[in-house]
């Protein structure tokens, strides 16, 4: 039994199977991931802003494997042969009886290689740390530049994508540049953060009134928001955009959160697809026309039977899909029929930084400090590993007394 990918979907699938009686019955359970650690991605924006570090949001799979009774292999997945039930990896071929694909997504640049080369993506902890290094490095350089226009160019940041990831990283960057770093650096008053989205609103999956409230808070705090605007091109220190007023070229650093696609290695997998290149699965999460293979999380195109549209690609849905796919594998091995997947995504949370958040629970919109408290409590409870929960809570408290980590690999 092989689980490919160790994000929320893959980890929870492996953990479910490891806690079952299958290992005791001689079933070999293997989790394969290119990295040797799990990343708690909902807190990456705070890593980018120096509030947290790598150690707060990562946990070694070897630690988890011992606790949940699965084996771990660090390897790159290089190809598939579903007919032969074979997976090609950088560490050699793996034969399987059942496999769960949970390889996640990668940034989508819509075929524009210039954007790929010129922007900072935001999907991994390495990306978040690189953004933090860029922020601090530019603050260091700006502190010694006398010309305000040159300083403004160094301290201009453009975030492409108005979904939760874009809103969160733009909010944290603004807070760092305008509220935190000025305690230690001079001349940061010219810093700007611009959030760009091609749609006519932010946070498309949220209640519209709540999203409008978030837009108002962002602008009131000094974040520039440009809707109905798309990024056309970018290079070293410049970004070309097109909006309602035509084209313009902006100075600054481009941070990319404007879309994802299924992991590139899946392009060579000969299985049915749905719109966007996502793997077509039935309601039990089995890949269509492919026995023994399940696909979950950001790579799957399972539709919500209530709406006909794909489920949102967020952590709670990935977790529930991981558990359902694992339970269906268990059902198959025990001679039972797989059960259909269904989930009700009851809540949405997005942080606006500095004590503000937006929460939508069962259609009830919550903002302000109450929403921030819910945001903090929800993610502390969901963090993987007791040590990480204690570490995050204590570090956030210490930050209020002693400030954030402002070191960088400059």
Foldseek 3Di string as FASTA:
>chain_A
DEEEADELLRVLLLLLLLPDCVVVVVDAYEYEEQDQKYFPQVCLLCCLLQLDHPVLGIDGVVVVCVVRVHHYDNWAFQADDLVQQWTQTPVGIDHDQFYEYEHAWDDDPPPDVQCVVQAQERDDSVSSQVSLQLQLVLLVVLLPDPDLVVNLLSQEEEEEAQAQVSLSNLLSSLCSQPPACVVPGPSSPSHAYEYEYLAPFHHVVDDRVLRVVSVVVCVVSHHHYAYNKDWDGDDHQWTWMQHPVGIDIDGYHYYYPHDIAHDPSCVNPPADADPRRAFEAEQLQAGPPRPNYGYAANRHFYAAVVPRGGDDRDSVRSNQNSNLNSVQVVCVVVVHHRDGDHDDPQKDKHDSDDQWIWMAGNNDTDIGNVSSVVVLVVVLVVRPDPVSSVVSVVSSVVCVVVNGDSDHPD
